């Protein structure tokens, strides 16, 4: 009975008794359940020897739980000692880089001494901007060698990317992407080059598509400002930029979202495109409502200012819409 109680207590405590103790208990049960304090002490002795044998097992025979791999570093994020872990543009295919560029090199920021995959990763993680022209060192992600910035690694002789600019220190390994360095902007742009598919406007100080060469509206240093929608600096933005007919610039993606609820420029309030079809629809709407106006408003006129042609004039009264008497635009405001 003492042995049975000991086995029950050992199981409740989560301790497995050694095989010798289990055999001794079975033998006692077969002999009629006789037990004494000597048998209990004997069980304790065998249990103590079993624990000592388990402690003396060689390390090679002990099965360790597999340790979880270290958590993946954030894209472009440095560690505590300023050396970034290997980052991937596409982790499923093990393509090195970040969410902005595919490359095998990481830049050492001269401002803070930390390592980032690209300057955009640095600007996202820090409260200051990285001076691309001041970068002097890089880290090869293939051999983890810190070295001066170059197109190939000085240790493993591997190419860092398909495109490399020694002025901007830009690395880009995206296949099929055309990049050129504009000597006037002094930055790298997407395209085949000046005179091929882009030209540089000296007055705007910006590279533009050749399709805009004859229809471009020049505004001095128009690109040296922020996007009126997202307020990101436009001159060195990696996002495609759209020029409005009025000559103002904003991101193409911002334009697509903004045009859903407004048809005027967010800066000068001119129409952002050909609105003739929309204005014809308003003509039909007003013609159907003209007979429904109260008598006191039927012959009333209002002075309006057109935001497209910039001229003032008198327009028939309406609660919302007023057509310009000069260019017939409804982009007007009541004076």
C-alpha atoms as a PDB file:
ATOM      1  CA  UNK A   1       0.000   0.000   0.000  1.00  0.00           C
ATOM      2  CA  UNK A   2       2.860   2.375   0.772  1.00  0.00           C
ATOM      3  CA  UNK A   3       4.387   1.592  -2.629  1.00  0.00           C
ATOM      4  CA  UNK A   4       1.082   2.222  -4.370  1.00  0.00           C
ATOM      5  CA  UNK A   5       0.701   5.553  -2.594  1.00  0.00           C
ATOM      6  CA  UNK A   6       4.248   6.507  -3.561  1.00  0.00           C
ATOM      7  CA  UNK A   7       3.610   5.643  -7.214  1.00  0.00           C
ATOM      8  CA  UNK A   8       0.362   7.641  -7.167  1.00  0.00           C
ATOM      9  CA  UNK A   9       2.119  10.648  -5.596  1.00  0.00           C
ATOM     10  CA  UNK A  10       4.970  10.418  -8.095  1.00  0.00           C
ATOM     11  CA  UNK A  11       2.549  10.375 -11.030  1.00  0.00           C
ATOM     12  CA  UNK A  12       0.644  13.335  -9.628  1.00  0.00           C
ATOM     13  CA  UNK A  13       3.874  15.301  -9.297  1.00  0.00           C
ATOM     14  CA  UNK A  14       4.744  14.591 -12.905  1.00  0.00           C
ATOM     15  CA  UNK A  15       7.767  12.315 -12.096  1.00  0.00           C
ATOM     16  CA  UNK A  16       8.062   8.941 -13.824  1.00  0.00           C
ATOM     17  CA  UNK A  17       9.447   6.185 -11.539  1.00  0.00           C
ATOM     18  CA  UNK A  18      12.357   4.144 -12.914  1.00  0.00           C
ATOM     19  CA  UNK A  19      11.616   0.676 -14.356  1.00  0.00           C
ATOM     20  CA  UNK A  20      13.264  -1.021 -11.330  1.00  0.00           C
ATOM     21  CA  UNK A  21      10.776   0.565  -8.955  1.00  0.00           C
ATOM     22  CA  UNK A  22       7.829  -0.477 -11.117  1.00  0.00           C
ATOM     23  CA  UNK A  23       9.068  -4.122 -11.194  1.00  0.00           C
ATOM     24  CA  UNK A  24       9.500  -4.141  -7.397  1.00  0.00           C
ATOM     25  CA  UNK A  25       5.943  -2.907  -6.911  1.00  0.00           C
ATOM     26  CA  UNK A  26       4.501  -5.556  -9.246  1.00  0.00           C
ATOM     27  CA  UNK A  27       6.404  -8.272  -7.323  1.00  0.00           C
ATOM     28  CA  UNK A  28       4.977  -7.001  -4.016  1.00  0.00           C
ATOM     29  CA  UNK A  29       1.446  -7.052  -5.402  1.00  0.00           C
ATOM     30  CA  UNK A  30       1.895 -10.672  -6.568  1.00  0.00           C
ATOM     31  CA  UNK A  31       3.129 -11.742  -3.094  1.00  0.00           C
ATOM     32  CA  UNK A  32      -0.022 -10.469  -1.455  1.00  0.00           C
ATOM     33  CA  UNK A  33       0.636  -6.806  -1.068  1.00  0.00           C
ATOM     34  CA  UNK A  34       3.166  -7.133   1.820  1.00  0.00           C
ATOM     35  CA  UNK A  35       5.159  -3.927   2.212  1.00  0.00           C
ATOM     36  CA  UNK A  36       7.256  -2.273   4.853  1.00  0.00           C
ATOM     37  CA  UNK A  37       9.338   0.823   5.334  1.00  0.00           C
ATOM     38  CA  UNK A  38      12.367  -1.010   3.924  1.00  0.00           C
ATOM     39  CA  UNK A  39      10.566  -1.468   0.588  1.00  0.00           C
ATOM     40  CA  UNK A  40       9.687   2.231   0.453  1.00  0.00           C
ATOM     41  CA  UNK A  41      13.283   3.182   1.159  1.00  0.00           C
ATOM     42  CA  UNK A  42      14.394   0.695  -1.500  1.00  0.00           C
ATOM     43  CA  UNK A  43      12.099   2.380  -4.031  1.00  0.00           C
ATOM     44  CA  UNK A  44      13.509   5.756  -3.071  1.00  0.00           C
ATOM     45  CA  UNK A  45      17.024   4.399  -3.556  1.00  0.00           C
ATOM     46  CA  UNK A  46      16.317   3.078  -7.058  1.00  0.00           C
ATOM     47  CA  UNK A  47      14.475   6.291  -7.945  1.00  0.00           C
ATOM     48  CA  UNK A  48      17.467   8.353  -6.792  1.00  0.00           C
ATOM     49  CA  UNK A  49      19.870   6.193  -8.846  1.00  0.00           C
ATOM     50  CA  UNK A  50      17.664   6.586 -11.940  1.00  0.00           C
ATOM     51  CA  UNK A  51      17.715  10.352 -11.639  1.00  0.00           C
ATOM     52  CA  UNK A  52      21.512  10.321 -11.233  1.00  0.00           C
ATOM     53  CA  UNK A  53      21.873   8.154 -14.367  1.00  0.00           C
ATOM     54  CA  UNK A  54      19.701  10.586 -16.308  1.00  0.00           C
ATOM     55  CA  UNK A  55      21.860  13.493 -15.126  1.00  0.00           C
ATOM     56  CA  UNK A  56      25.083  11.663 -16.139  1.00  0.00           C
ATOM     57  CA  UNK A  57      23.961  10.958 -19.715  1.00  0.00           C
ATOM     58  CA  UNK A  58      26.373  12.413 -22.267  1.00  0.00           C
ATOM     59  CA  UNK A  59      25.254  15.566 -24.015  1.00  0.00           C
ATOM     60  CA  UNK A  60      25.150  13.779 -27.363  1.00  0.00           C
ATOM     61  CA  UNK A  61      22.420  11.390 -26.132  1.00  0.00           C
ATOM     62  CA  UNK A  62      20.168  14.106 -24.722  1.00  0.00           C
ATOM     63  CA  UNK A  63      17.452  15.199 -27.140  1.00  0.00           C
ATOM     64  CA  UNK A  64      17.194  18.978 -27.183  1.00  0.00           C
ATOM     65  CA  UNK A  65      14.115  20.866 -28.330  1.00  0.00           C
ATOM     66  CA  UNK A  66      14.833  22.636 -31.628  1.00  0.00           C
ATOM     67  CA  UNK A  67      15.435  26.303 -31.055  1.00  0.00           C
ATOM     68  CA  UNK A  68      13.231  28.614 -33.136  1.00  0.00           C
ATOM     69  CA  UNK A  69      15.070  30.570 -35.820  1.00  0.00           C
ATOM     70  CA  UNK A  70      15.716  34.219 -35.044  1.00  0.00           C
ATOM     71  CA  UNK A  71      12.970  36.545 -36.042  1.00  0.00           C
ATOM     72  CA  UNK A  72      13.380  37.984 -39.528  1.00  0.00           C
ATOM     73  CA  UNK A  73      14.752  41.489 -39.485  1.00  0.00           C
ATOM     74  CA  UNK A  74      12.578  44.250 -40.807  1.00  0.00           C
ATOM     75  CA  UNK A  75      13.419  45.274 -44.320  1.00  0.00           C
ATOM     76  CA  UNK A  76      16.343  47.644 -44.146  1.00  0.00           C
ATOM     77  CA  UNK A  77      16.294  47.874 -40.356  1.00  0.00           C
ATOM     78  CA  UNK A  78      19.727  47.937 -38.618  1.00  0.00           C
ATOM     79  CA  UNK A  79      20.550  45.984 -35.510  1.00  0.00           C
ATOM     80  CA  UNK A  80      22.066  47.371 -32.318  1.00  0.00           C
ATOM     81  CA  UNK A  81      25.626  47.339 -33.613  1.00  0.00           C
ATOM     82  CA  UNK A  82      24.800  49.057 -36.885  1.00  0.00           C
ATOM     83  CA  UNK A  83      25.096  45.992 -39.150  1.00  0.00           C
ATOM     84  CA  UNK A  84      21.892  45.125 -40.974  1.00  0.00           C
ATOM     85  CA  UNK A  85      20.776  41.550 -41.426  1.00  0.00           C
ATOM     86  CA  UNK A  86      20.322  40.049 -44.858  1.00  0.00           C
ATOM     87  CA  UNK A  87      17.077  41.408 -46.299  1.00  0.00           C
ATOM     88  CA  UNK A  88      14.989  40.223 -49.216  1.00  0.00           C
ATOM     89  CA  UNK A  89      12.949  41.911 -51.889  1.00  0.00           C
ATOM     90  CA  UNK A  90      11.142  38.589 -52.354  1.00  0.00           C
ATOM     91  CA  UNK A  91      11.622  36.137 -49.495  1.00  0.00           C
ATOM     92  CA  UNK A  92       9.824  33.311 -51.323  1.00  0.00           C
ATOM     93  CA  UNK A  93      12.459  33.271 -54.089  1.00  0.00           C
ATOM     94  CA  UNK A  94      15.356  34.512 -51.882  1.00  0.00           C
ATOM     95  CA  UNK A  95      15.871  37.644 -53.965  1.00  0.00           C
ATOM     96  CA  UNK A  96      18.038  40.068 -51.992  1.00  0.00           C
ATOM     97  CA  UNK A  97      16.969  43.674 -51.567  1.00  0.00           C
ATOM     98  CA  UNK A  98      14.117  45.532 -49.908  1.00  0.00           C
ATOM     99  CA  UNK A  99      10.603  46.675 -50.722  1.00  0.00           C
ATOM    100  CA  UNK A 100      12.054  49.491 -52.844  1.00  0.00           C
ATOM    101  CA  UNK A 101      14.912  47.871 -54.811  1.00  0.00           C
ATOM    102  CA  UNK A 102      16.407  44.516 -55.695  1.00  0.00           C
ATOM    103  CA  UNK A 103      20.119  44.563 -54.860  1.00  0.00           C
ATOM    104  CA  UNK A 104      22.903  42.664 -53.117  1.00  0.00           C
ATOM    105  CA  UNK A 105      24.466  45.670 -51.392  1.00  0.00           C
ATOM    106  CA  UNK A 106      23.512  47.667 -48.329  1.00  0.00           C
ATOM    107  CA  UNK A 107      24.501  51.280 -47.712  1.00  0.00           C
ATOM    108  CA  UNK A 108      26.323  52.557 -44.636  1.00  0.00           C
ATOM    109  CA  UNK A 109      24.657  55.834 -43.673  1.00  0.00           C
ATOM    110  CA  UNK A 110      27.343  58.495 -43.098  1.00  0.00           C
ATOM    111  CA  UNK A 111      25.000  60.469 -40.839  1.00  0.00           C
ATOM    112  CA  UNK A 112      24.290  57.807 -38.204  1.00  0.00           C
ATOM    113  CA  UNK A 113      26.689  54.967 -39.125  1.00  0.00           C
ATOM    114  CA  UNK A 114      23.871  52.436 -39.447  1.00  0.00           C
ATOM    115  CA  UNK A 115      23.414  50.022 -42.330  1.00  0.00           C
ATOM    116  CA  UNK A 116      20.291  50.131 -44.493  1.00  0.00           C
ATOM    117  CA  UNK A 117      19.385  48.377 -47.706  1.00  0.00           C
ATOM    118  CA  UNK A 118      18.621  51.691 -49.460  1.00  0.00           C
ATOM    119  CA  UNK A 119      18.232  55.371 -48.675  1.00  0.00           C
ATOM    120  CA  UNK A 120      14.419  55.087 -48.665  1.00  0.00           C
ATOM    121  CA  UNK A 121      14.610  52.443 -45.939  1.00  0.00           C
ATOM    122  CA  UNK A 122      16.798  54.845 -43.966  1.00  0.00           C
ATOM    123  CA  UNK A 123      14.362  57.732 -44.404  1.00  0.00           C
ATOM    124  CA  UNK A 124      11.433  55.546 -43.316  1.00  0.00           C
ATOM    125  CA  UNK A 125      13.172  54.413 -40.128  1.00  0.00           C
ATOM    126  CA  UNK A 126      14.948  57.640 -39.100  1.00  0.00           C
ATOM    127  CA  UNK A 127      13.919  61.216 -38.431  1.00  0.00           C
ATOM    128  CA  UNK A 128      16.440  62.582 -40.944  1.00  0.00           C
ATOM    129  CA  UNK A 129      17.205  62.082 -44.632  1.00  0.00           C
ATOM    130  CA  UNK A 130      20.162  60.222 -46.059  1.00  0.00           C
ATOM    131  CA  UNK A 131      22.511  62.231 -48.270  1.00  0.00           C
ATOM    132  CA  UNK A 132      22.989  59.874 -51.200  1.00  0.00           C
ATOM    133  CA  UNK A 133      26.079  61.701 -52.444  1.00  0.00           C
ATOM    134  CA  UNK A 134      27.891  61.400 -49.084  1.00  0.00           C
ATOM    135  CA  UNK A 135      27.705  57.582 -48.927  1.00  0.00           C
ATOM    136  CA  UNK A 136      31.220  56.091 -48.920  1.00  0.00           C
ATOM    137  CA  UNK A 137      30.775  52.501 -47.723  1.00  0.00           C
ATOM    138  CA  UNK A 138      28.574  49.529 -48.437  1.00  0.00           C
ATOM    139  CA  UNK A 139      28.080  45.984 -47.109  1.00  0.00           C
ATOM    140  CA  UNK A 140      27.903  43.013 -49.456  1.00  0.00           C
ATOM    141  CA  UNK A 141      24.988  40.790 -48.396  1.00  0.00           C
ATOM    142  CA  UNK A 142      26.561  37.774 -50.101  1.00  0.00           C
ATOM    143  CA  UNK A 143      29.773  37.704 -48.013  1.00  0.00           C
ATOM    144  CA  UNK A 144      28.959  40.359 -45.349  1.00  0.00           C
ATOM    145  CA  UNK A 145      32.062  42.410 -46.209  1.00  0.00           C
ATOM    146  CA  UNK A 146      32.121  46.115 -45.430  1.00  0.00           C
ATOM    147  CA  UNK A 147      33.951  48.004 -48.155  1.00  0.00           C
ATOM    148  CA  UNK A 148      33.938  51.179 -50.271  1.00  0.00           C
ATOM    149  CA  UNK A 149      30.961  51.622 -52.585  1.00  0.00           C
ATOM    150  CA  UNK A 150      31.508  49.853 -55.919  1.00  0.00           C
ATOM    151  CA  UNK A 151      29.616  47.949 -58.583  1.00  0.00           C
ATOM    152  CA  UNK A 152      31.239  44.638 -57.571  1.00  0.00           C
ATOM    153  CA  UNK A 153      32.317  43.223 -54.228  1.00  0.00           C
ATOM    154  CA  UNK A 154      36.048  43.397 -53.546  1.00  0.00           C
ATOM    155  CA  UNK A 155      35.882  40.172 -51.512  1.00  0.00           C
ATOM    156  CA  UNK A 156      33.672  37.745 -53.447  1.00  0.00           C
ATOM    157  CA  UNK A 157      33.768  39.588 -56.823  1.00  0.00           C
ATOM    158  CA  UNK A 158      29.982  39.377 -57.123  1.00  0.00           C
ATOM    159  CA  UNK A 159      27.984  41.996 -58.977  1.00  0.00           C
ATOM    160  CA  UNK A 160      25.809  44.047 -56.666  1.00  0.00           C
ATOM    161  CA  UNK A 161      23.125  44.874 -59.258  1.00  0.00           C
ATOM    162  CA  UNK A 162      22.440  45.267 -62.946  1.00  0.00           C
ATOM    163  CA  UNK A 163      22.525  49.069 -62.659  1.00  0.00           C
ATOM    164  CA  UNK A 164      24.907  51.057 -60.492  1.00  0.00           C
ATOM    165  CA  UNK A 165      25.438  54.814 -60.364  1.00  0.00           C
ATOM    166  CA  UNK A 166      28.700  56.029 -58.892  1.00  0.00           C
ATOM    167  CA  UNK A 167      27.250  59.501 -58.237  1.00  0.00           C
ATOM    168  CA  UNK A 168      23.891  58.720 -56.619  1.00  0.00           C
ATOM    169  CA  UNK A 169      25.159  55.372 -55.256  1.00  0.00           C
ATOM    170  CA  UNK A 170      22.017  53.712 -56.587  1.00  0.00           C
ATOM    171  CA  UNK A 171      21.861  49.923 -56.993  1.00  0.00           C
ATOM    172  CA  UNK A 172      18.969  48.340 -58.887  1.00  0.00           C
ATOM    173  CA  UNK A 173      18.824  44.716 -59.995  1.00  0.00           C
ATOM    174  CA  UNK A 174      15.270  44.761 -61.355  1.00  0.00           C
ATOM    175  CA  UNK A 175      15.299  43.009 -64.759  1.00  0.00           C
ATOM    176  CA  UNK A 176      13.942  45.043 -67.653  1.00  0.00           C
ATOM    177  CA  UNK A 177      14.004  48.386 -65.829  1.00  0.00           C
ATOM    178  CA  UNK A 178      15.693  51.243 -67.704  1.00  0.00           C
ATOM    179  CA  UNK A 179      17.501  53.849 -65.576  1.00  0.00           C
ATOM    180  CA  UNK A 180      19.657  56.795 -66.576  1.00  0.00           C
ATOM    181  CA  UNK A 181      21.496  59.528 -64.672  1.00  0.00           C
ATOM    182  CA  UNK A 182      20.477  63.080 -65.587  1.00  0.00           C
ATOM    183  CA  UNK A 183      23.461  65.441 -65.257  1.00  0.00           C
ATOM    184  CA  UNK A 184      21.146  68.448 -64.871  1.00  0.00           C
ATOM    185  CA  UNK A 185      18.915  66.983 -62.156  1.00  0.00           C
ATOM    186  CA  UNK A 186      21.987  65.162 -60.768  1.00  0.00           C
ATOM    187  CA  UNK A 187      19.801  62.193 -59.854  1.00  0.00           C
ATOM    188  CA  UNK A 188      18.892  58.903 -61.516  1.00  0.00           C
ATOM    189  CA  UNK A 189      15.609  58.732 -63.409  1.00  0.00           C
ATOM    190  CA  UNK A 190      13.615  55.856 -64.868  1.00  0.00           C
ATOM    191  CA  UNK A 191      13.844  55.791 -68.633  1.00  0.00           C
ATOM    192  CA  UNK A 192      16.180  55.066 -71.518  1.00  0.00           C
ATOM    193  CA  UNK A 193      17.882  58.454 -71.425  1.00  0.00           C
ATOM    194  CA  UNK A 194      17.794  62.107 -72.468  1.00  0.00           C
ATOM    195  CA  UNK A 195      16.912  62.513 -76.131  1.00  0.00           C
ATOM    196  CA  UNK A 196      15.584  58.938 -76.292  1.00  0.00           C
ATOM    197  CA  UNK A 197      12.344  59.102 -74.342  1.00  0.00           C
ATOM    198  CA  UNK A 198      12.907  62.064 -72.006  1.00  0.00           C
ATOM    199  CA  UNK A 199      14.097  65.669 -72.178  1.00  0.00           C
ATOM    200  CA  UNK A 200      15.231  68.061 -69.456  1.00  0.00           C
ATOM    201  CA  UNK A 201      13.378  71.368 -69.123  1.00  0.00           C
ATOM    202  CA  UNK A 202      15.858  73.938 -67.858  1.00  0.00           C
ATOM    203  CA  UNK A 203      13.181  76.325 -66.611  1.00  0.00           C
ATOM    204  CA  UNK A 204      11.244  73.678 -64.684  1.00  0.00           C
ATOM    205  CA  UNK A 205      14.501  71.874 -63.782  1.00  0.00           C
ATOM    206  CA  UNK A 206      12.850  68.504 -64.384  1.00  0.00           C
ATOM    207  CA  UNK A 207      12.992  65.581 -66.796  1.00  0.00           C
ATOM    208  CA  UNK A 208       9.826  65.072 -68.816  1.00  0.00           C
ATOM    209  CA  UNK A 209       8.562  62.756 -71.496  1.00  0.00           C
ATOM    210  CA  UNK A 210       9.287  63.704 -75.084  1.00  0.00           C
ATOM    211  CA  UNK A 211       5.547  63.594 -75.745  1.00  0.00           C
ATOM    212  CA  UNK A 212       5.247  66.810 -73.684  1.00  0.00           C
ATOM    213  CA  UNK A 213       7.978  68.658 -75.535  1.00  0.00           C
ATOM    214  CA  UNK A 214       5.597  70.877 -77.560  1.00  0.00           C
ATOM    215  CA  UNK A 215       2.671  71.034 -75.127  1.00  0.00           C
ATOM    216  CA  UNK A 216       4.557  71.469 -71.858  1.00  0.00           C
ATOM    217  CA  UNK A 217       3.645  74.453 -69.644  1.00  0.00           C
ATOM    218  CA  UNK A 218       6.820  75.769 -68.054  1.00  0.00           C
ATOM    219  CA  UNK A 219       6.824  76.769 -64.411  1.00  0.00           C
ATOM    220  CA  UNK A 220      10.136  77.752 -62.878  1.00  0.00           C
ATOM    221  CA  UNK A 221      11.404  75.069 -60.502  1.00  0.00           C
ATOM    222  CA  UNK A 222       7.958  73.448 -60.478  1.00  0.00           C
ATOM    223  CA  UNK A 223       9.339  70.093 -59.374  1.00  0.00           C
ATOM    224  CA  UNK A 224      11.128  71.523 -56.355  1.00  0.00           C
ATOM    225  CA  UNK A 225       8.080  71.280 -54.130  1.00  0.00           C
ATOM    226  CA  UNK A 226       5.793  68.802 -52.422  1.00  0.00           C
ATOM    227  CA  UNK A 227       2.935  66.826 -53.877  1.00  0.00           C
ATOM    228  CA  UNK A 228      -0.253  68.792 -53.050  1.00  0.00           C
ATOM    229  CA  UNK A 229      -2.048  65.551 -52.085  1.00  0.00           C
ATOM    230  CA  UNK A 230       0.457  63.512 -50.015  1.00  0.00           C
ATOM    231  CA  UNK A 231       3.017  66.314 -49.376  1.00  0.00           C
ATOM    232  CA  UNK A 232       6.003  64.168 -50.400  1.00  0.00           C
ATOM    233  CA  UNK A 233       8.977  65.951 -51.982  1.00  0.00           C
ATOM    234  CA  UNK A 234       8.603  65.547 -55.745  1.00  0.00           C
ATOM    235  CA  UNK A 235      12.106  66.189 -57.060  1.00  0.00           C
ATOM    236  CA  UNK A 236      13.651  62.910 -55.911  1.00  0.00           C
ATOM    237  CA  UNK A 237      10.454  60.871 -55.568  1.00  0.00           C
ATOM    238  CA  UNK A 238      10.565  57.295 -56.832  1.00  0.00           C
ATOM    239  CA  UNK A 239       6.833  57.381 -57.682  1.00  0.00           C
ATOM    240  CA  UNK A 240       5.750  58.403 -61.221  1.00  0.00           C
ATOM    241  CA  UNK A 241       4.679  62.040 -61.486  1.00  0.00           C
ATOM    242  CA  UNK A 242       1.912  63.585 -63.597  1.00  0.00           C
ATOM    243  CA  UNK A 243       1.808  67.109 -64.970  1.00  0.00           C
ATOM    244  CA  UNK A 244      -1.566  68.846 -65.019  1.00  0.00           C
ATOM    245  CA  UNK A 245      -2.609  71.164 -67.917  1.00  0.00           C
ATOM    246  CA  UNK A 246      -2.054  74.131 -65.599  1.00  0.00           C
ATOM    247  CA  UNK A 247       1.613  73.138 -65.127  1.00  0.00           C
ATOM    248  CA  UNK A 248       1.447  71.817 -61.575  1.00  0.00           C
ATOM    249  CA  UNK A 249       2.758  68.383 -60.642  1.00  0.00           C
ATOM    250  CA  UNK A 250       1.573  65.592 -58.391  1.00  0.00           C
ATOM    251  CA  UNK A 251       2.042  61.846 -58.124  1.00  0.00           C
ATOM    252  CA  UNK A 252       0.178  59.760 -60.688  1.00  0.00           C
ATOM    253  CA  UNK A 253      -1.251  57.571 -57.927  1.00  0.00           C
ATOM    254  CA  UNK A 254      -2.356  60.650 -55.971  1.00  0.00           C
ATOM    255  CA  UNK A 255      -3.956  62.059 -59.109  1.00  0.00           C
ATOM    256  CA  UNK A 256      -5.970  58.865 -59.654  1.00  0.00           C
ATOM    257  CA  UNK A 257      -7.370  59.063 -56.109  1.00  0.00           C
ATOM    258  CA  UNK A 258      -7.918  62.826 -56.136  1.00  0.00           C
ATOM    259  CA  UNK A 259      -9.757  62.827 -59.495  1.00  0.00           C
ATOM    260  CA  UNK A 260     -12.476  60.598 -58.052  1.00  0.00           C
ATOM    261  CA  UNK A 261     -14.034  63.458 -56.101  1.00  0.00           C
ATOM    262  CA  UNK A 262     -12.683  66.656 -57.710  1.00  0.00           C
ATOM    263  CA  UNK A 263     -11.916  67.916 -61.219  1.00  0.00           C
ATOM    264  CA  UNK A 264      -9.961  71.036 -60.282  1.00  0.00           C
ATOM    265  CA  UNK A 265      -6.259  71.497 -59.520  1.00  0.00           C
ATOM    266  CA  UNK A 266      -5.635  71.411 -55.754  1.00  0.00           C
ATOM    267  CA  UNK A 267      -3.292  74.412 -56.124  1.00  0.00           C
ATOM    268  CA  UNK A 268      -4.781  76.834 -58.672  1.00  0.00           C
ATOM    269  CA  UNK A 269      -8.321  75.358 -58.967  1.00  0.00           C
ATOM    270  CA  UNK A 270      -8.192  75.111 -62.781  1.00  0.00           C
ATOM    271  CA  UNK A 271      -9.774  72.116 -64.478  1.00  0.00           C
ATOM    272  CA  UNK A 272      -7.453  69.124 -64.557  1.00  0.00           C
ATOM    273  CA  UNK A 273      -8.697  67.923 -67.950  1.00  0.00           C
ATOM    274  CA  UNK A 274     -11.225  68.308 -70.732  1.00  0.00           C
ATOM    275  CA  UNK A 275     -14.552  68.674 -68.925  1.00  0.00           C
ATOM    276  CA  UNK A 276     -16.705  69.520 -71.979  1.00  0.00           C
ATOM    277  CA  UNK A 277     -18.793  66.341 -71.735  1.00  0.00           C
ATOM    278  CA  UNK A 278     -19.488  66.967 -68.057  1.00  0.00           C
ATOM    279  CA  UNK A 279     -20.421  70.591 -68.750  1.00  0.00           C
ATOM    280  CA  UNK A 280     -22.890  69.476 -71.457  1.00  0.00           C
ATOM    281  CA  UNK A 281     -24.570  67.223 -68.907  1.00  0.00           C
ATOM    282  CA  UNK A 282     -24.941  70.220 -66.592  1.00  0.00           C
ATOM    283  CA  UNK A 283     -26.500  72.217 -69.446  1.00  0.00           C
ATOM    284  CA  UNK A 284     -29.174  69.567 -69.848  1.00  0.00           C
ATOM    285  CA  UNK A 285     -29.777  69.453 -66.105  1.00  0.00           C
ATOM    286  CA  UNK A 286     -30.222  73.238 -65.818  1.00  0.00           C
ATOM    287  CA  UNK A 287     -32.517  73.348 -68.860  1.00  0.00           C
ATOM    288  CA  UNK A 288     -34.851  70.852 -67.205  1.00  0.00           C
ATOM    289  CA  UNK A 289     -34.838  72.800 -63.921  1.00  0.00           C
ATOM    290  CA  UNK A 290     -35.222  76.288 -65.373  1.00  0.00           C
ATOM    291  CA  UNK A 291     -39.020  76.042 -65.559  1.00  0.00           C
ATOM    292  CA  UNK A 292     -39.197  74.832 -61.950  1.00  0.00           C
ATOM    293  CA  UNK A 293     -37.455  77.849 -60.405  1.00  0.00           C
ATOM    294  CA  UNK A 294     -39.587  80.159 -58.259  1.00  0.00           C
ATOM    295  CA  UNK A 295     -40.781  83.325 -59.950  1.00  0.00           C
ATOM    296  CA  UNK A 296     -38.536  85.585 -57.846  1.00  0.00           C
ATOM    297  CA  UNK A 297     -35.434  83.662 -59.066  1.00  0.00           C
ATOM    298  CA  UNK A 298     -36.426  83.099 -62.719  1.00  0.00           C
ATOM    299  CA  UNK A 299     -34.810  86.215 -64.180  1.00  0.00           C
ATOM    300  CA  UNK A 300     -32.100  86.748 -61.563  1.00  0.00           C
ATOM    301  CA  UNK A 301     -28.436  87.102 -62.562  1.00  0.00           C
ATOM    302  CA  UNK A 302     -25.265  86.543 -60.516  1.00  0.00           C
ATOM    303  CA  UNK A 303     -21.710  87.760 -61.003  1.00  0.00           C
ATOM    304  CA  UNK A 304     -19.233  84.875 -61.174  1.00  0.00           C
ATOM    305  CA  UNK A 305     -15.495  84.479 -61.631  1.00  0.00           C
ATOM    306  CA  UNK A 306     -14.306  81.686 -63.911  1.00  0.00           C
ATOM    307  CA  UNK A 307     -11.350  79.748 -62.526  1.00  0.00           C
ATOM    308  CA  UNK A 308     -10.443  78.383 -65.972  1.00  0.00           C
ATOM    309  CA  UNK A 309     -10.229  81.579 -68.056  1.00  0.00           C
ATOM    310  CA  UNK A 310      -9.909  83.992 -65.125  1.00  0.00           C
ATOM    311  CA  UNK A 311     -12.642  86.331 -66.412  1.00  0.00           C
ATOM    312  CA  UNK A 312     -15.689  87.646 -64.555  1.00  0.00           C
ATOM    313  CA  UNK A 313     -19.227  87.899 -65.923  1.00  0.00           C
ATOM    314  CA  UNK A 314     -22.933  87.543 -65.233  1.00  0.00           C
ATOM    315  CA  UNK A 315     -24.558  84.104 -65.193  1.00  0.00           C
ATOM    316  CA  UNK A 316     -28.187  82.955 -64.683  1.00  0.00           C
ATOM    317  CA  UNK A 317     -28.986  82.258 -61.066  1.00  0.00           C
ATOM    318  CA  UNK A 318     -28.819  78.707 -59.726  1.00  0.00           C
ATOM    319  CA  UNK A 319     -28.365  77.200 -56.310  1.00  0.00           C
ATOM    320  CA  UNK A 320     -25.193  75.299 -57.301  1.00  0.00           C
ATOM    321  CA  UNK A 321     -24.097  75.630 -60.948  1.00  0.00           C
ATOM    322  CA  UNK A 322     -23.142  78.801 -62.823  1.00  0.00           C
ATOM    323  CA  UNK A 323     -21.750  78.745 -66.358  1.00  0.00           C
ATOM    324  CA  UNK A 324     -19.040  81.184 -67.386  1.00  0.00           C
ATOM    325  CA  UNK A 325     -20.364  83.560 -70.129  1.00  0.00           C
ATOM    326  CA  UNK A 326     -16.926  83.611 -71.777  1.00  0.00           C
ATOM    327  CA  UNK A 327     -15.656  79.976 -71.960  1.00  0.00           C
ATOM    328  CA  UNK A 328     -18.864  78.192 -70.844  1.00  0.00           C
ATOM    329  CA  UNK A 329     -17.037  76.440 -68.001  1.00  0.00           C
ATOM    330  CA  UNK A 330     -18.883  75.564 -64.824  1.00  0.00           C
ATOM    331  CA  UNK A 331     -15.664  75.842 -62.822  1.00  0.00           C
ATOM    332  CA  UNK A 332     -16.797  79.181 -61.387  1.00  0.00           C
ATOM    333  CA  UNK A 333     -17.386  80.797 -58.039  1.00  0.00           C
ATOM    334  CA  UNK A 334     -19.893  83.454 -57.029  1.00  0.00           C
ATOM    335  CA  UNK A 335     -18.426  86.901 -56.360  1.00  0.00           C
END
